[in-house]
N, C-alpha and C. Protein backbone atom coordinates (compact mmCIF):
# COMPACT_ATOMS: atom_id res chain seq x y z
N MET A 1 5.79 -5.97 34.56
CA MET A 1 6.58 -7.19 33.54
C MET A 1 5.97 -8.07 33.90
N SER A 2 5.87 -8.84 32.65
CA SER A 2 5.53 -9.66 32.68
C SER A 2 5.67 -11.20 33.07
N PRO A 3 4.92 -12.42 33.49
CA PRO A 3 5.78 -13.32 33.65
C PRO A 3 6.67 -13.75 32.83
N LYS A 4 7.83 -14.81 33.42
CA LYS A 4 8.37 -15.73 32.46
C LYS A 4 7.66 -16.22 31.58
N PRO A 5 8.15 -16.49 30.07
CA PRO A 5 6.73 -17.55 29.57
C PRO A 5 7.63 -18.74 29.86
N ALA A 6 6.60 -19.43 29.35
CA ALA A 6 6.79 -21.36 29.20
C ALA A 6 8.36 -21.48 27.94
N ALA A 7 8.28 -22.22 28.45
CA ALA A 7 9.85 -22.41 26.78
C ALA A 7 9.08 -22.98 25.64
N GLU A 8 8.09 -23.60 25.87
CA GLU A 8 7.09 -24.03 24.71
C GLU A 8 6.44 -22.81 24.08
N ASP A 9 5.94 -21.69 24.56
CA ASP A 9 5.69 -20.19 24.32
C ASP A 9 6.83 -19.58 23.28
N LEU A 10 7.77 -19.55 23.92
CA LEU A 10 8.76 -18.93 23.89
C LEU A 10 9.01 -19.47 22.25
N GLU A 11 9.44 -21.09 22.22
CA GLU A 11 9.62 -21.82 21.18
C GLU A 11 8.77 -21.45 19.95
N SER A 12 7.07 -21.26 20.30
CA SER A 12 6.47 -21.02 19.29
C SER A 12 6.42 -19.76 18.86
N ALA A 13 6.28 -18.54 19.65
CA ALA A 13 6.80 -17.11 19.11
C ALA A 13 7.96 -17.09 18.43
N LEU A 14 9.12 -17.56 18.32
CA LEU A 14 10.04 -17.53 17.53
C LEU A 14 9.89 -17.83 16.20
N ARG A 15 9.10 -18.91 16.27
CA ARG A 15 9.14 -19.82 14.93
C ARG A 15 7.88 -19.03 14.28
N ALA A 16 6.98 -18.54 14.96
CA ALA A 16 6.24 -17.35 14.26
C ALA A 16 7.00 -15.92 13.63
N ALA A 17 8.02 -15.61 15.03
CA ALA A 17 8.71 -14.41 14.66
C ALA A 17 9.41 -14.62 12.88
N GLY A 18 10.04 -15.74 13.22
CA GLY A 18 10.60 -16.19 11.95
C GLY A 18 10.03 -16.50 10.80
N GLN A 19 8.93 -16.75 10.75
CA GLN A 19 8.29 -16.80 9.31
C GLN A 19 7.42 -15.35 8.96
N ALA A 20 7.46 -14.67 9.81
CA ALA A 20 7.08 -13.10 9.85
C ALA A 20 8.45 -12.01 9.55
N HIS A 21 9.06 -12.68 9.71
CA HIS A 21 10.41 -11.83 9.20
C HIS A 21 11.08 -12.32 7.94
N HIS A 22 11.18 -13.48 7.61
CA HIS A 22 11.12 -13.86 6.31
C HIS A 22 10.57 -13.42 5.28
N ASP A 23 9.20 -13.02 5.75
CA ASP A 23 8.03 -12.19 4.74
C ASP A 23 8.34 -10.50 4.22
N TYR A 24 9.15 -10.30 6.11
CA TYR A 24 9.91 -9.17 5.85
C TYR A 24 10.58 -8.50 4.96
N GLU A 25 11.60 -9.99 5.06
CA GLU A 25 12.59 -9.55 4.25
C GLU A 25 12.39 -9.73 2.76
N HIS A 26 11.91 -10.38 2.51
CA HIS A 26 11.31 -11.03 1.20
C HIS A 26 10.12 -9.93 0.42
N ASN A 27 9.37 -9.08 0.95
CA ASN A 27 8.49 -8.13 0.59
C ASN A 27 9.00 -6.85 0.63
N PHE A 28 9.98 -6.77 1.62
CA PHE A 28 10.03 -5.24 1.85
C PHE A 28 11.61 -4.70 1.91
N LEU A 29 12.88 -5.98 1.85
CA LEU A 29 14.05 -5.52 1.50
C LEU A 29 14.21 -6.32 0.47
N ASN A 30 13.22 -6.89 -0.87
CA ASN A 30 13.81 -7.39 -1.70
C ASN A 30 14.69 -8.32 -1.69
N GLY A 31 14.61 -9.27 -0.77
CA GLY A 31 15.67 -10.39 -0.45
C GLY A 31 16.61 -10.46 0.67
N GLU A 32 17.18 -8.98 0.55
CA GLU A 32 18.39 -8.83 1.07
C GLU A 32 18.16 -8.94 2.62
N PRO A 33 19.15 -9.59 3.63
CA PRO A 33 19.25 -10.06 4.74
C PRO A 33 19.07 -8.69 5.61
N ASP A 34 18.44 -8.81 6.94
CA ASP A 34 18.25 -8.06 7.69
C ASP A 34 19.28 -7.93 8.93
N LYS A 35 19.88 -7.03 8.48
CA LYS A 35 21.29 -7.09 9.63
C LYS A 35 20.66 -6.79 11.46
N GLN A 36 19.42 -6.18 11.42
CA GLN A 36 18.73 -5.71 12.64
C GLN A 36 17.81 -6.58 13.14
N TRP A 37 18.25 -7.89 12.60
CA TRP A 37 16.92 -9.03 12.80
C TRP A 37 16.88 -9.32 14.38
N ALA A 38 17.96 -9.21 14.62
CA ALA A 38 17.80 -9.75 16.45
C ALA A 38 16.59 -8.52 17.39
N GLY A 39 16.33 -7.44 16.67
CA GLY A 39 15.42 -6.13 17.17
C GLY A 39 14.33 -6.81 16.70
N TRP A 40 13.79 -7.02 15.34
CA TRP A 40 12.88 -7.34 15.05
C TRP A 40 12.13 -8.45 15.96
N TYR A 41 13.13 -9.55 15.54
CA TYR A 41 12.46 -10.69 16.84
C TYR A 41 11.87 -10.43 18.30
N ALA A 42 12.93 -9.86 18.38
CA ALA A 42 12.51 -9.48 20.31
C ALA A 42 11.38 -8.32 20.34
N ALA A 43 11.07 -7.68 19.32
CA ALA A 43 9.55 -6.60 18.95
C ALA A 43 8.96 -7.78 18.78
N TYR A 44 9.17 -8.82 17.99
CA TYR A 44 7.68 -9.24 17.78
C TYR A 44 7.29 -10.82 18.79
N VAL A 45 8.32 -11.37 19.23
CA VAL A 45 8.37 -11.81 20.67
C VAL A 45 7.58 -11.53 21.81
N LEU A 46 8.12 -10.10 22.24
CA LEU A 46 7.63 -9.53 23.62
C LEU A 46 6.30 -8.55 23.30
N GLY A 47 5.61 -8.54 21.72
CA GLY A 47 4.64 -8.04 21.60
C GLY A 47 3.89 -9.41 21.70
N ARG A 48 3.91 -10.51 21.37
CA ARG A 48 3.51 -11.75 21.37
C ARG A 48 2.66 -12.39 23.16
N LEU A 49 3.93 -12.07 23.32
CA LEU A 49 4.21 -12.88 25.07
C LEU A 49 4.08 -11.66 26.21
N GLY A 50 4.25 -10.51 26.01
CA GLY A 50 4.61 -9.81 27.01
C GLY A 50 5.79 -9.32 27.59
N ASP A 51 5.75 -8.30 28.45
CA ASP A 51 7.44 -8.08 28.67
C ASP A 51 7.86 -8.11 29.80
N PHE A 52 7.83 -9.45 29.41
CA PHE A 52 8.88 -10.20 30.23
C PHE A 52 10.55 -9.82 30.26
N THR A 53 10.75 -9.49 29.79
CA THR A 53 11.68 -8.94 29.69
C THR A 53 12.60 -7.59 28.75
N SER A 54 13.45 -7.03 28.57
CA SER A 54 13.41 -5.75 28.43
C SER A 54 13.89 -6.35 26.25
N PRO A 55 13.68 -5.31 25.46
CA PRO A 55 13.29 -5.50 24.11
C PRO A 55 15.20 -5.51 23.75
N THR A 56 15.98 -4.61 24.61
CA THR A 56 17.67 -4.66 24.48
C THR A 56 17.96 -5.72 25.06
N SER A 57 17.83 -6.45 26.34
CA SER A 57 18.78 -7.48 26.50
C SER A 57 17.80 -9.22 25.72
N LEU A 58 16.32 -8.93 25.47
CA LEU A 58 15.97 -10.05 24.73
C LEU A 58 16.74 -10.25 23.40
N ALA A 59 17.18 -8.86 22.48
CA ALA A 59 17.94 -9.30 21.34
C ALA A 59 19.24 -9.25 21.34
N GLY A 60 19.92 -9.10 22.38
CA GLY A 60 21.61 -9.37 22.71
C GLY A 60 21.25 -11.24 22.86
N TRP A 61 20.28 -11.56 23.62
CA TRP A 61 20.45 -13.15 23.38
C TRP A 61 20.27 -13.58 22.21
N LEU A 62 19.50 -13.23 21.72
CA LEU A 62 18.89 -14.17 20.74
C LEU A 62 20.21 -13.80 19.72
N ALA A 63 20.95 -12.65 19.32
CA ALA A 63 22.03 -12.25 18.68
C ALA A 63 23.19 -13.39 19.32
N GLU A 64 23.38 -13.87 20.22
CA GLU A 64 24.60 -14.76 20.77
C GLU A 64 24.30 -15.78 21.01
N ALA A 65 22.76 -16.36 20.70
CA ALA A 65 22.46 -17.69 21.05
C ALA A 65 23.47 -18.36 19.75
N PRO A 66 24.09 -19.76 20.24
CA PRO A 66 24.30 -20.54 18.95
C PRO A 66 23.81 -20.75 18.09
N SER A 67 23.94 -20.83 16.71
CA SER A 67 23.28 -21.16 15.47
C SER A 67 23.00 -22.81 15.32
N GLU A 68 22.17 -22.97 15.36
CA GLU A 68 21.77 -24.54 14.98
C GLU A 68 20.69 -25.11 14.31
N ASP A 69 20.53 -26.27 13.47
CA ASP A 69 19.52 -26.09 12.31
C ASP A 69 18.35 -26.19 12.70
N ASP A 70 18.07 -26.56 13.79
CA ASP A 70 16.06 -26.35 14.44
C ASP A 70 16.47 -25.29 15.58
N TRP A 71 16.73 -23.82 15.16
CA TRP A 71 17.05 -22.82 15.88
C TRP A 71 16.02 -22.42 16.86
N ALA A 72 14.90 -22.85 16.85
CA ALA A 72 13.94 -22.17 17.79
C ALA A 72 13.76 -22.44 18.68
N PRO A 73 14.23 -24.34 18.65
CA PRO A 73 14.52 -24.39 20.26
C PRO A 73 15.38 -23.89 21.20
N ALA A 74 17.01 -24.37 20.02
CA ALA A 74 18.00 -23.84 20.76
C ALA A 74 17.90 -22.02 21.02
N GLU A 75 16.97 -21.52 20.56
CA GLU A 75 17.12 -20.17 20.72
C GLU A 75 16.04 -20.17 22.12
N SER A 76 15.35 -20.65 22.19
CA SER A 76 14.39 -20.70 23.71
C SER A 76 15.19 -21.31 24.96
N ARG A 77 16.01 -22.41 24.65
CA ARG A 77 16.83 -22.49 25.75
C ARG A 77 17.91 -21.72 26.05
N HIS A 78 18.22 -21.24 25.18
CA HIS A 78 19.22 -19.85 25.11
C HIS A 78 18.48 -19.14 26.21
N VAL A 79 17.43 -18.43 25.48
CA VAL A 79 16.80 -16.70 26.26
C VAL A 79 16.47 -17.76 27.94
N THR A 80 15.44 -18.74 27.81
CA THR A 80 15.09 -19.41 29.49
C THR A 80 16.46 -19.27 30.28
N GLN A 81 17.68 -19.79 29.59
CA GLN A 81 18.88 -19.76 30.68
C GLN A 81 18.85 -18.16 31.36
N ARG A 82 18.32 -17.58 30.66
CA ARG A 82 19.34 -16.09 30.94
C ARG A 82 17.77 -15.80 31.65
N LEU A 83 17.17 -15.98 31.57
CA LEU A 83 15.42 -14.83 32.62
C LEU A 83 15.81 -15.53 33.69
């Protein structure tokens, strides 16, 4: 298990995941929303930051986080509180 990432690193990874996922939806899903987005983000973030938690746990935390306009910091805070 990798060490818990810094909140700034997690936020950066989430922003990168968001951009990559947007491209994925646009290019491979023909603009349709991905209902499995949280698992996609979890895989991306864990691939970038290491296995600091399980993919299932991270996907669940991402899916339950409150929605805010500037979502990356909010998601990062939510996940960090659960680690």
